[in-house]
Amino acid sequence: MPQATKRKPTQAAKSQSKPLVSRLTDAGEDALQRLADLPGGTRALTAFNDLRNRVDEMGKKVRGIDELERRIAKLEKHVAELKPPRRTPRKTSTTRPARRPSTPPTP
């Protein structure tokens, strides 16, 4: 009876057995390494990394806006309660009293 020979797995077979996320991670790392090797690639990667950090910071700040709006609405309501109510202006009559004729000064 012939013995079954064990074959070594090929590179393609090895990559098929890896989870998809691991393969994507490896491909991304390879791509980043190639970019870094290009002239100006390191500067580009640094700029992309800085951009990512800034977008993360902006996201945190934007998420805080809702809380600030709630606090402002609460404070505006409190201030409105503290203010005295506005008085309506008195209505004045539409007729004016007759003016007295001016007399010249007596010497």
PDB file of N, CA and C in Angstrom:
ATOM      1  N   MET A   1       0.836  -1.160   0.000  1.00  0.00           N
ATOM      2  CA  MET A   1       0.000   0.000   0.000  1.00  0.00           C
ATOM      3  C   MET A   1       0.889   1.234   0.000  1.00  0.00           C
ATOM      4  N   PRO A   2       0.614   2.175  -0.951  1.00  0.00           N
ATOM      5  CA  PRO A   2       1.475   3.345  -1.015  1.00  0.00           C
ATOM      6  C   PRO A   2       1.189   4.291   0.141  1.00  0.00           C
ATOM      7  N   GLN A   3       2.219   4.851   0.668  1.00  0.00           N
ATOM      8  CA  GLN A   3       2.056   5.814   1.761  1.00  0.00           C
ATOM      9  C   GLN A   3       1.686   7.175   1.196  1.00  0.00           C
ATOM     10  N   ALA A   4       0.818   7.847   1.917  1.00  0.00           N
ATOM     11  CA  ALA A   4       0.432   9.204   1.508  1.00  0.00           C
ATOM     12  C   ALA A   4       1.556  10.146   1.876  1.00  0.00           C
ATOM     13  N   THR A   5       1.951  10.922   0.916  1.00  0.00           N
ATOM     14  CA  THR A   5       3.027  11.870   1.185  1.00  0.00           C
ATOM     15  C   THR A   5       2.420  13.173   1.692  1.00  0.00           C
ATOM     16  N   LYS A   6       3.074  13.719   2.652  1.00  0.00           N
ATOM     17  CA  LYS A   6       2.607  15.006   3.189  1.00  0.00           C
ATOM     18  C   LYS A   6       3.282  16.113   2.413  1.00  0.00           C
ATOM     19  N   ARG A   7       2.458  16.979   1.887  1.00  0.00           N
ATOM     20  CA  ARG A   7       3.016  18.114   1.163  1.00  0.00           C
ATOM     21  C   ARG A   7       3.119  19.309   2.087  1.00  0.00           C
ATOM     22  N   LYS A   8       4.086  20.114   1.817  1.00  0.00           N
ATOM     23  CA  LYS A   8       4.194  21.370   2.557  1.00  0.00           C
ATOM     24  C   LYS A   8       3.177  22.325   1.963  1.00  0.00           C
ATOM     25  N   PRO A   9       2.477  23.069   2.813  1.00  0.00           N
ATOM     26  CA  PRO A   9       1.497  24.015   2.271  1.00  0.00           C
ATOM     27  C   PRO A   9       2.202  25.124   1.503  1.00  0.00           C
ATOM     28  N   THR A  10       1.634  25.471   0.390  1.00  0.00           N
ATOM     29  CA  THR A  10       2.197  26.558  -0.415  1.00  0.00           C
ATOM     30  C   THR A  10       1.855  27.901   0.219  1.00  0.00           C
ATOM     31  N   GLN A  11       2.474  28.949  -0.310  1.00  0.00           N
ATOM     32  CA  GLN A  11       2.226  30.298   0.230  1.00  0.00           C
ATOM     33  C   GLN A  11       0.751  30.659   0.049  1.00  0.00           C
ATOM     34  N   ALA A  12       0.169  30.323  -1.093  1.00  0.00           N
ATOM     35  CA  ALA A  12      -1.239  30.632  -1.332  1.00  0.00           C
ATOM     36  C   ALA A  12      -2.129  29.893  -0.345  1.00  0.00           C
ATOM     37  N   ALA A  13      -1.788  28.639  -0.064  1.00  0.00           N
ATOM     38  CA  ALA A  13      -2.587  27.867   0.888  1.00  0.00           C
ATOM     39  C   ALA A  13      -2.457  28.440   2.289  1.00  0.00           C
ATOM     40  N   LYS A  14      -1.272  28.894   2.633  1.00  0.00           N
ATOM     41  CA  LYS A  14      -1.082  29.499   3.955  1.00  0.00           C
ATOM     42  C   LYS A  14      -1.914  30.772   4.086  1.00  0.00           C
ATOM     43  N   SER A  15      -1.911  31.575   3.020  1.00  0.00           N
ATOM     44  CA  SER A  15      -2.644  32.833   3.104  1.00  0.00           C
ATOM     45  C   SER A  15      -4.146  32.587   3.133  1.00  0.00           C
ATOM     46  N   GLN A  16      -4.603  31.490   2.552  1.00  0.00           N
ATOM     47  CA  GLN A  16      -6.026  31.173   2.594  1.00  0.00           C
ATOM     48  C   GLN A  16      -6.451  30.763   3.995  1.00  0.00           C
ATOM     49  N   SER A  17      -5.543  30.160   4.742  1.00  0.00           N
ATOM     50  CA  SER A  17      -5.901  29.689   6.075  1.00  0.00           C
ATOM     51  C   SER A  17      -5.910  30.822   7.103  1.00  0.00           C
ATOM     52  N   LYS A  18      -5.242  31.935   6.814  1.00  0.00           N
ATOM     53  CA  LYS A  18      -5.232  33.075   7.741  1.00  0.00           C
ATOM     54  C   LYS A  18      -6.592  33.758   7.711  1.00  0.00           C
ATOM     55  N   PRO A  19      -7.003  34.271   8.824  1.00  0.00           N
ATOM     56  CA  PRO A  19      -8.252  35.036   8.823  1.00  0.00           C
ATOM     57  C   PRO A  19      -8.126  36.273   7.927  1.00  0.00           C
ATOM     58  N   LEU A  20      -9.246  36.709   7.434  1.00  0.00           N
ATOM     59  CA  LEU A  20      -9.277  37.837   6.510  1.00  0.00           C
ATOM     60  C   LEU A  20      -8.662  39.086   7.129  1.00  0.00           C
ATOM     61  N   VAL A  21      -8.966  39.346   8.378  1.00  0.00           N
ATOM     62  CA  VAL A  21      -8.452  40.550   9.037  1.00  0.00           C
ATOM     63  C   VAL A  21      -6.935  40.515   9.106  1.00  0.00           C
ATOM     64  N   SER A  22      -6.377  39.352   9.393  1.00  0.00           N
ATOM     65  CA  SER A  22      -4.919  39.243   9.466  1.00  0.00           C
ATOM     66  C   SER A  22      -4.296  39.498   8.103  1.00  0.00           C
ATOM     67  N   ARG A  23      -4.917  38.970   7.056  1.00  0.00           N
ATOM     68  CA  ARG A  23      -4.379  39.189   5.714  1.00  0.00           C
ATOM     69  C   ARG A  23      -4.449  40.664   5.343  1.00  0.00           C
ATOM     70  N   LEU A  24      -5.550  41.314   5.680  1.00  0.00           N
ATOM     71  CA  LEU A  24      -5.673  42.756   5.387  1.00  0.00           C
ATOM     72  C   LEU A  24      -4.645  43.563   6.170  1.00  0.00           C
ATOM     73  N   THR A  25      -4.427  43.193   7.419  1.00  0.00           N
ATOM     74  CA  THR A  25      -3.442  43.887   8.249  1.00  0.00           C
ATOM     75  C   THR A  25      -2.051  43.744   7.644  1.00  0.00           C
ATOM     76  N   ASP A  26      -1.712  42.522   7.243  1.00  0.00           N
ATOM     77  CA  ASP A  26      -0.397  42.296   6.638  1.00  0.00           C
ATOM     78  C   ASP A  26      -0.242  43.100   5.353  1.00  0.00           C
ATOM     79  N   ALA A  27      -1.276  43.111   4.523  1.00  0.00           N
ATOM     80  CA  ALA A  27      -1.213  43.856   3.262  1.00  0.00           C
ATOM     81  C   ALA A  27      -1.081  45.352   3.534  1.00  0.00           C
ATOM     82  N   GLY A  28      -1.780  45.844   4.539  1.00  0.00           N
ATOM     83  CA  GLY A  28      -1.695  47.263   4.886  1.00  0.00           C
ATOM     84  C   GLY A  28      -0.321  47.636   5.390  1.00  0.00           C
ATOM     85  N   GLU A  29       0.252  46.772   6.206  1.00  0.00           N
ATOM     86  CA  GLU A  29       1.598  47.044   6.719  1.00  0.00           C
ATOM     87  C   GLU A  29       2.616  47.048   5.589  1.00  0.00           C
ATOM     88  N   ASP A  30       2.450  46.120   4.660  1.00  0.00           N
ATOM     89  CA  ASP A  30       3.362  46.091   3.507  1.00  0.00           C
ATOM     90  C   ASP A  30       3.233  47.365   2.678  1.00  0.00           C
ATOM     91  N   ALA A  31       2.007  47.790   2.463  1.00  0.00           N
ATOM     92  CA  ALA A  31       1.779  49.001   1.670  1.00  0.00           C
ATOM     93  C   ALA A  31       2.364  50.223   2.370  1.00  0.00           C
ATOM     94  N   LEU A  32       2.189  50.309   3.680  1.00  0.00           N
ATOM     95  CA  LEU A  32       2.747  51.436   4.423  1.00  0.00           C
ATOM     96  C   LEU A  32       4.272  51.427   4.367  1.00  0.00           C
ATOM     97  N   GLN A  33       4.862  50.241   4.429  1.00  0.00           N
ATOM     98  CA  GLN A  33       6.320  50.152   4.356  1.00  0.00           C
ATOM     99  C   GLN A  33       6.816  50.612   2.990  1.00  0.00           C
ATOM    100  N   ARG A  34       6.098  50.232   1.937  1.00  0.00           N
ATOM    101  CA  ARG A  34       6.498  50.665   0.597  1.00  0.00           C
ATOM    102  C   ARG A  34       6.353  52.174   0.446  1.00  0.00           C
ATOM    103  N   LEU A  35       5.275  52.725   1.028  1.00  0.00           N
ATOM    104  CA  LEU A  35       5.094  54.180   0.970  1.00  0.00           C
ATOM    105  C   LEU A  35       6.218  54.902   1.700  1.00  0.00           C
ATOM    106  N   ALA A  36       6.615  54.364   2.838  1.00  0.00           N
ATOM    107  CA  ALA A  36       7.678  55.001   3.619  1.00  0.00           C
ATOM    108  C   ALA A  36       8.999  54.976   2.874  1.00  0.00           C
ATOM    109  N   ASP A  37       9.188  53.956   2.030  1.00  0.00           N
ATOM    110  CA  ASP A  37      10.440  53.852   1.275  1.00  0.00           C
ATOM    111  C   ASP A  37      10.500  54.830   0.109  1.00  0.00           C
ATOM    112  N   LEU A  38       9.372  55.349  -0.332  1.00  0.00           N
ATOM    113  CA  LEU A  38       9.354  56.297  -1.448  1.00  0.00           C
ATOM    114  C   LEU A  38       9.918  57.644  -1.005  1.00  0.00           C
ATOM    115  N   PRO A  39      10.468  58.422  -1.946  1.00  0.00           N
ATOM    116  CA  PRO A  39      10.929  59.772  -1.577  1.00  0.00           C
ATOM    117  C   PRO A  39       9.735  60.614  -1.115  1.00  0.00           C
ATOM    118  N   GLY A  40       9.845  61.188   0.035  1.00  0.00           N
ATOM    119  CA  GLY A  40       8.756  61.993   0.580  1.00  0.00           C
ATOM    120  C   GLY A  40       7.663  61.154   1.212  1.00  0.00           C
ATOM    121  N   GLY A  41       7.803  59.857   1.194  1.00  0.00           N
ATOM    122  CA  GLY A  41       6.784  58.974   1.750  1.00  0.00           C
ATOM    123  C   GLY A  41       6.647  59.105   3.253  1.00  0.00           C
ATOM    124  N   THR A  42       7.758  59.281   3.924  1.00  0.00           N
ATOM    125  CA  THR A  42       7.724  59.425   5.387  1.00  0.00           C
ATOM    126  C   THR A  42       6.956  60.685   5.771  1.00  0.00           C
ATOM    127  N   ARG A  43       7.191  61.758   5.020  1.00  0.00           N
ATOM    128  CA  ARG A  43       6.463  63.005   5.303  1.00  0.00           C
ATOM    129  C   ARG A  43       4.973  62.821   5.069  1.00  0.00           C
ATOM    130  N   ALA A  44       4.632  62.094   3.995  1.00  0.00           N
ATOM    131  CA  ALA A  44       3.217  61.862   3.700  1.00  0.00           C
ATOM    132  C   ALA A  44       2.571  61.029   4.799  1.00  0.00           C
ATOM    133  N   LEU A  45       3.245  60.003   5.257  1.00  0.00           N
ATOM    134  CA  LEU A  45       2.692  59.167   6.330  1.00  0.00           C
ATOM    135  C   LEU A  45       2.554  59.961   7.623  1.00  0.00           C
ATOM    136  N   THR A  46       3.509  60.828   7.896  1.00  0.00           N
ATOM    137  CA  THR A  46       3.419  61.674   9.089  1.00  0.00           C
ATOM    138  C   THR A  46       2.218  62.614   8.983  1.00  0.00           C
ATOM    139  N   ALA A  47       2.021  63.170   7.787  1.00  0.00           N
ATOM    140  CA  ALA A  47       0.882  64.068   7.585  1.00  0.00           C
ATOM    141  C   ALA A  47      -0.438  63.319   7.749  1.00  0.00           C
ATOM    142  N   PHE A  48      -0.510  62.102   7.216  1.00  0.00           N
ATOM    143  CA  PHE A  48      -1.734  61.310   7.372  1.00  0.00           C
ATOM    144  C   PHE A  48      -1.984  60.967   8.833  1.00  0.00           C
ATOM    145  N   ASN A  49      -0.939  60.650   9.555  1.00  0.00           N
ATOM    146  CA  ASN A  49      -1.086  60.321  10.973  1.00  0.00           C
ATOM    147  C   ASN A  49      -1.553  61.543  11.760  1.00  0.00           C
ATOM    148  N   ASP A  50      -0.968  62.705  11.461  1.00  0.00           N
ATOM    149  CA  ASP A  50      -1.397  63.944  12.131  1.00  0.00           C
ATOM    150  C   ASP A  50      -2.848  64.253  11.808  1.00  0.00           C
ATOM    151  N   LEU A  51      -3.237  64.036  10.563  1.00  0.00           N
ATOM    152  CA  LEU A  51      -4.621  64.269  10.154  1.00  0.00           C
ATOM    153  C   LEU A  51      -5.562  63.363  10.938  1.00  0.00           C
ATOM    154  N   ARG A  52      -5.198  62.106  11.078  1.00  0.00           N
ATOM    155  CA  ARG A  52      -6.026  61.159  11.838  1.00  0.00           C
ATOM    156  C   ARG A  52      -6.184  61.626  13.285  1.00  0.00           C
ATOM    157  N   ASN A  53      -5.084  62.075  13.898  1.00  0.00           N
ATOM    158  CA  ASN A  53      -5.148  62.555  15.278  1.00  0.00           C
ATOM    159  C   ASN A  53      -6.046  63.780  15.395  1.00  0.00           C
ATOM    160  N   ARG A  54      -5.944  64.689  14.447  1.00  0.00           N
ATOM    161  CA  ARG A  54      -6.773  65.901  14.490  1.00  0.00           C
ATOM    162  C   ARG A  54      -8.247  65.586  14.290  1.00  0.00           C
ATOM    163  N   VAL A  55      -8.539  64.641  13.390  1.00  0.00           N
ATOM    164  CA  VAL A  55      -9.934  64.250  13.182  1.00  0.00           C
ATOM    165  C   VAL A  55     -10.487  63.603  14.443  1.00  0.00           C
ATOM    166  N   ASP A  56      -9.694  62.802  15.124  1.00  0.00           N
ATOM    167  CA  ASP A  56     -10.130  62.204  16.392  1.00  0.00           C
ATOM    168  C   ASP A  56     -10.444  63.287  17.426  1.00  0.00           C
ATOM    169  N   GLU A  57      -9.575  64.294  17.523  1.00  0.00           N
ATOM    170  CA  GLU A  57      -9.804  65.387  18.467  1.00  0.00           C
ATOM    171  C   GLU A  57     -11.075  66.148  18.133  1.00  0.00           C
ATOM    172  N   MET A  58     -11.269  66.433  16.839  1.00  0.00           N
ATOM    173  CA  MET A  58     -12.475  67.158  16.431  1.00  0.00           C
ATOM    174  C   MET A  58     -13.720  66.343  16.733  1.00  0.00           C
ATOM    175  N   GLY A  59     -13.653  65.047  16.543  1.00  0.00           N
ATOM    176  CA  GLY A  59     -14.797  64.187  16.850  1.00  0.00           C
ATOM    177  C   GLY A  59     -15.168  64.258  18.318  1.00  0.00           C
ATOM    178  N   LYS A  60     -14.160  64.273  19.177  1.00  0.00           N
ATOM    179  CA  LYS A  60     -14.422  64.386  20.617  1.00  0.00           C
ATOM    180  C   LYS A  60     -15.070  65.721  20.942  1.00  0.00           C
ATOM    181  N   LYS A  61     -14.588  66.789  20.312  1.00  0.00           N
ATOM    182  CA  LYS A  61     -15.149  68.113  20.580  1.00  0.00           C
ATOM    183  C   LYS A  61     -16.578  68.227  20.074  1.00  0.00           C
ATOM    184  N   VAL A  62     -16.839  67.666  18.910  1.00  0.00           N
ATOM    185  CA  VAL A  62     -18.187  67.734  18.339  1.00  0.00           C
ATOM    186  C   VAL A  62     -19.163  66.955  19.212  1.00  0.00           C
ATOM    187  N   ARG A  63     -18.729  65.823  19.745  1.00  0.00           N
ATOM    188  CA  ARG A  63     -19.607  65.055  20.631  1.00  0.00           C
ATOM    189  C   ARG A  63     -19.939  65.837  21.894  1.00  0.00           C
ATOM    190  N   GLY A  64     -19.060  66.742  22.311  1.00  0.00           N
ATOM    191  CA  GLY A  64     -19.307  67.549  23.498  1.00  0.00           C
ATOM    192  C   GLY A  64     -20.244  68.717  23.259  1.00  0.00           C
ATOM    193  N   ILE A  65     -20.534  69.043  22.002  1.00  0.00           N
ATOM    194  CA  ILE A  65     -21.390  70.194  21.694  1.00  0.00           C
ATOM    195  C   ILE A  65     -22.809  69.977  22.197  1.00  0.00           C
ATOM    196  N   ASP A  66     -23.337  68.760  22.078  1.00  0.00           N
ATOM    197  CA  ASP A  66     -24.698  68.489  22.536  1.00  0.00           C
ATOM    198  C   ASP A  66     -24.852  68.789  24.023  1.00  0.00           C
ATOM    199  N   GLU A  67     -23.882  68.387  24.814  1.00  0.00           N
ATOM    200  CA  GLU A  67     -23.936  68.648  26.251  1.00  0.00           C
ATOM    201  C   GLU A  67     -23.887  70.149  26.521  1.00  0.00           C
ATOM    202  N   LEU A  68     -23.045  70.875  25.796  1.00  0.00           N
ATOM    203  CA  LEU A  68     -22.966  72.326  25.976  1.00  0.00           C
ATOM    204  C   LEU A  68     -24.287  73.006  25.619  1.00  0.00           C
ATOM    205  N   GLU A  69     -24.931  72.557  24.548  1.00  0.00           N
ATOM    206  CA  GLU A  69     -26.219  73.137  24.153  1.00  0.00           C
ATOM    207  C   GLU A  69     -27.262  72.913  25.244  1.00  0.00           C
ATOM    208  N   ARG A  70     -27.273  71.731  25.861  1.00  0.00           N
ATOM    209  CA  ARG A  70     -28.222  71.473  26.956  1.00  0.00           C
ATOM    210  C   ARG A  70     -27.940  72.389  28.134  1.00  0.00           C
ATOM    211  N   ARG A  71     -26.649  72.584  28.454  1.00  0.00           N
ATOM    212  CA  ARG A  71     -26.307  73.466  29.570  1.00  0.00           C
ATOM    213  C   ARG A  71     -26.708  74.901  29.281  1.00  0.00           C
ATOM    214  N   ILE A  72     -26.503  75.353  28.053  1.00  0.00           N
ATOM    215  CA  ILE A  72     -26.868  76.725  27.682  1.00  0.00           C
ATOM    216  C   ILE A  72     -28.373  76.924  27.782  1.00  0.00           C
ATOM    217  N   ALA A  73     -29.147  75.954  27.297  1.00  0.00           N
ATOM    218  CA  ALA A  73     -30.601  76.060  27.372  1.00  0.00           C
ATOM    219  C   ALA A  73     -31.062  76.142  28.826  1.00  0.00           C
ATOM    220  N   LYS A  74     -30.439  75.354  29.689  1.00  0.00           N
ATOM    221  CA  LYS A  74     -30.784  75.376  31.115  1.00  0.00           C
ATOM    222  C   LYS A  74     -30.446  76.739  31.725  1.00  0.00           C
ATOM    223  N   LEU A  75     -29.275  77.284  31.395  1.00  0.00           N
ATOM    224  CA  LEU A  75     -28.875  78.591  31.928  1.00  0.00           C
ATOM    225  C   LEU A  75     -29.774  79.713  31.406  1.00  0.00           C
ATOM    226  N   GLU A  76     -30.143  79.648  30.127  1.00  0.00           N
ATOM    227  CA  GLU A  76     -31.036  80.671  29.574  1.00  0.00           C
ATOM    228  C   GLU A  76     -32.382  80.648  30.283  1.00  0.00           C
ATOM    229  N   LYS A  77     -32.878  79.464  30.573  1.00  0.00           N
ATOM    230  CA  LYS A  77     -34.152  79.350  31.283  1.00  0.00           C
ATOM    231  C   LYS A  77     -34.027  79.933  32.687  1.00  0.00           C
ATOM    232  N   HIS A  78     -32.903  79.658  33.344  1.00  0.00           N
ATOM    233  CA  HIS A  78     -32.678  80.173  34.690  1.00  0.00           C
ATOM    234  C   HIS A  78     -32.594  81.706  34.688  1.00  0.00           C
ATOM    235  N   VAL A  79     -31.891  82.266  33.725  1.00  0.00           N
ATOM    236  CA  VAL A  79     -31.772  83.727  33.619  1.00  0.00           C
ATOM    237  C   VAL A  79     -33.134  84.349  33.350  1.00  0.00           C
ATOM    238  N   ALA A  80     -33.921  83.703  32.502  1.00  0.00           N
ATOM    239  CA  ALA A  80     -35.254  84.231  32.201  1.00  0.00           C
ATOM    240  C   ALA A  80     -36.128  84.256  33.451  1.00  0.00           C
ATOM    241  N   GLU A  81     -35.959  83.287  34.327  1.00  0.00           N
ATOM    242  CA  GLU A  81     -36.727  83.266  35.574  1.00  0.00           C
ATOM    243  C   GLU A  81     -36.277  84.365  36.529  1.00  0.00           C
ATOM    244  N   LEU A  82     -35.012  84.739  36.473  1.00  0.00           N
ATOM    245  CA  LEU A  82     -34.486  85.758  37.378  1.00  0.00           C
ATOM    246  C   LEU A  82     -34.858  87.175  36.952  1.00  0.00           C
ATOM    247  N   LYS A  83     -35.067  87.395  35.669  1.00  0.00           N
ATOM    248  CA  LYS A  83     -35.396  88.731  35.182  1.00  0.00           C
ATOM    249  C   LYS A  83     -36.818  89.096  35.582  1.00  0.00           C
ATOM    250  N   PRO A  84     -37.014  90.379  35.983  1.00  0.00           N
ATOM    251  CA  PRO A  84     -38.386  90.799  36.277  1.00  0.00           C
ATOM    252  C   PRO A  84     -39.167  90.888  34.960  1.00  0.00           C
ATOM    253  N   PRO A  85     -40.475  90.680  35.043  1.00  0.00           N
ATOM    254  CA  PRO A  85     -41.255  90.756  33.802  1.00  0.00           C
ATOM    255  C   PRO A  85     -41.229  92.173  33.239  1.00  0.00           C
ATOM    256  N   ARG A  86     -41.266  92.283  31.952  1.00  0.00           N
ATOM    257  CA  ARG A  86     -41.258  93.601  31.316  1.00  0.00           C
ATOM    258  C   ARG A  86     -42.605  94.259  31.485  1.00  0.00           C
ATOM    259  N   ARG A  87     -42.558  95.546  31.763  1.00  0.00           N
ATOM    260  CA  ARG A  87     -43.804  96.309  31.873  1.00  0.00           C
ATOM    261  C   ARG A  87     -44.189  96.807  30.501  1.00  0.00           C
ATOM    262  N   THR A  88     -45.464  96.845  30.271  1.00  0.00           N
ATOM    263  CA  THR A  88     -45.914  97.404  29.006  1.00  0.00           C
ATOM    264  C   THR A  88     -45.927  98.919  29.155  1.00  0.00           C
ATOM    265  N   PRO A  89     -45.513  99.639  28.158  1.00  0.00           N
ATOM    266  CA  PRO A  89     -45.483 101.103  28.280  1.00  0.00           C
ATOM    267  C   PRO A  89     -46.908 101.655  28.398  1.00  0.00           C
ATOM    268  N   ARG A  90     -47.005 102.751  29.158  1.00  0.00           N
ATOM    269  CA  ARG A  90     -48.323 103.393  29.331  1.00  0.00           C
ATOM    270  C   ARG A  90     -48.759 104.007  28.024  1.00  0.00           C
ATOM    271  N   LYS A  91     -50.030 103.943  27.824  1.00  0.00           N
ATOM    272  CA  LYS A  91     -50.560 104.581  26.629  1.00  0.00           C
ATOM    273  C   LYS A  91     -50.744 106.062  26.917  1.00  0.00           C
ATOM    274  N   THR A  92     -50.323 106.874  26.001  1.00  0.00           N
ATOM    275  CA  THR A  92     -50.484 108.320  26.165  1.00  0.00           C
ATOM    276  C   THR A  92     -51.703 108.750  25.366  1.00  0.00           C
ATOM    277  N   SER A  93     -52.284 109.839  25.800  1.00  0.00           N
ATOM    278  CA  SER A  93     -53.469 110.317  25.078  1.00  0.00           C
ATOM    279  C   SER A  93     -53.034 110.879  23.729  1.00  0.00           C
ATOM    280  N   THR A  94     -53.938 110.817  22.796  1.00  0.00           N
ATOM    281  CA  THR A  94     -53.603 111.284  21.458  1.00  0.00           C
ATOM    282  C   THR A  94     -53.814 112.782  21.306  1.00  0.00           C
ATOM    283  N   THR A  95     -54.549 113.387  22.247  1.00  0.00           N
ATOM    284  CA  THR A  95     -54.759 114.843  22.158  1.00  0.00           C
ATOM    285  C   THR A  95     -53.784 115.525  23.092  1.00  0.00           C
ATOM    286  N   ARG A  96     -53.315 116.668  22.639  1.00  0.00           N
ATOM    287  CA  ARG A  96     -52.392 117.437  23.465  1.00  0.00           C
ATOM    288  C   ARG A  96     -53.141 118.617  24.076  1.00  0.00           C
ATOM    289  N   PRO A  97     -52.721 118.994  25.253  1.00  0.00           N
ATOM    290  CA  PRO A  97     -53.369 120.184  25.836  1.00  0.00           C
ATOM    291  C   PRO A  97     -52.980 121.422  25.022  1.00  0.00           C
ATOM    292  N   ALA A  98     -53.880 122.378  25.014  1.00  0.00           N
ATOM    293  CA  ALA A  98     -53.638 123.608  24.249  1.00  0.00           C
ATOM    294  C   ALA A  98     -52.475 124.361  24.865  1.00  0.00           C
ATOM    295  N   ARG A  99     -51.640 124.938  24.010  1.00  0.00           N
ATOM    296  CA  ARG A  99     -50.494 125.700  24.494  1.00  0.00           C
ATOM    297  C   ARG A  99     -50.946 127.120  24.839  1.00  0.00           C
ATOM    298  N   ARG A 100     -50.362 127.633  25.836  1.00  0.00           N
ATOM    299  CA  ARG A 100     -50.641 129.014  26.179  1.00  0.00           C
ATOM    300  C   ARG A 100     -49.863 129.899  25.226  1.00  0.00           C
ATOM    301  N   PRO A 101     -50.463 130.953  24.834  1.00  0.00           N
ATOM    302  CA  PRO A 101     -49.719 131.873  23.938  1.00  0.00           C
ATOM    303  C   PRO A 101     -48.570 132.491  24.731  1.00  0.00           C
ATOM    304  N   SER A 102     -47.453 132.554  24.069  1.00  0.00           N
ATOM    305  CA  SER A 102     -46.302 133.127  24.761  1.00  0.00           C
ATOM    306  C   SER A 102     -46.450 134.655  24.754  1.00  0.00           C
ATOM    307  N   THR A 103     -46.131 135.229  25.893  1.00  0.00           N
ATOM    308  CA  THR A 103     -46.199 136.706  26.014  1.00  0.00           C
ATOM    309  C   THR A 103     -44.804 137.253  26.028  1.00  0.00           C
ATOM    310  N   PRO A 104     -44.629 138.383  25.381  1.00  0.00           N
ATOM    311  CA  PRO A 104     -43.298 138.957  25.394  1.00  0.00           C
ATOM    312  C   PRO A 104     -42.927 139.414  26.816  1.00  0.00           C
ATOM    313  N   PRO A 105     -41.692 139.378  27.146  1.00  0.00           N
ATOM    314  CA  PRO A 105     -41.291 139.811  28.486  1.00  0.00           C
ATOM    315  C   PRO A 105     -41.553 141.298  28.687  1.00  0.00           C
ATOM    316  N   THR A 106     -41.986 141.617  29.831  1.00  0.00           N
ATOM    317  CA  THR A 106     -42.269 143.009  30.151  1.00  0.00           C
ATOM    318  C   THR A 106     -41.024 143.671  30.708  1.00  0.00           C
ATOM    319  N   PRO A 107     -40.790 144.913  30.250  1.00  0.00           N
ATOM    320  CA  PRO A 107     -39.586 145.611  30.729  1.00  0.00           C
ATOM    321  C   PRO A 107     -39.769 146.295  32.035  1.00  0.00           C
TER     322      PRO A 107
END
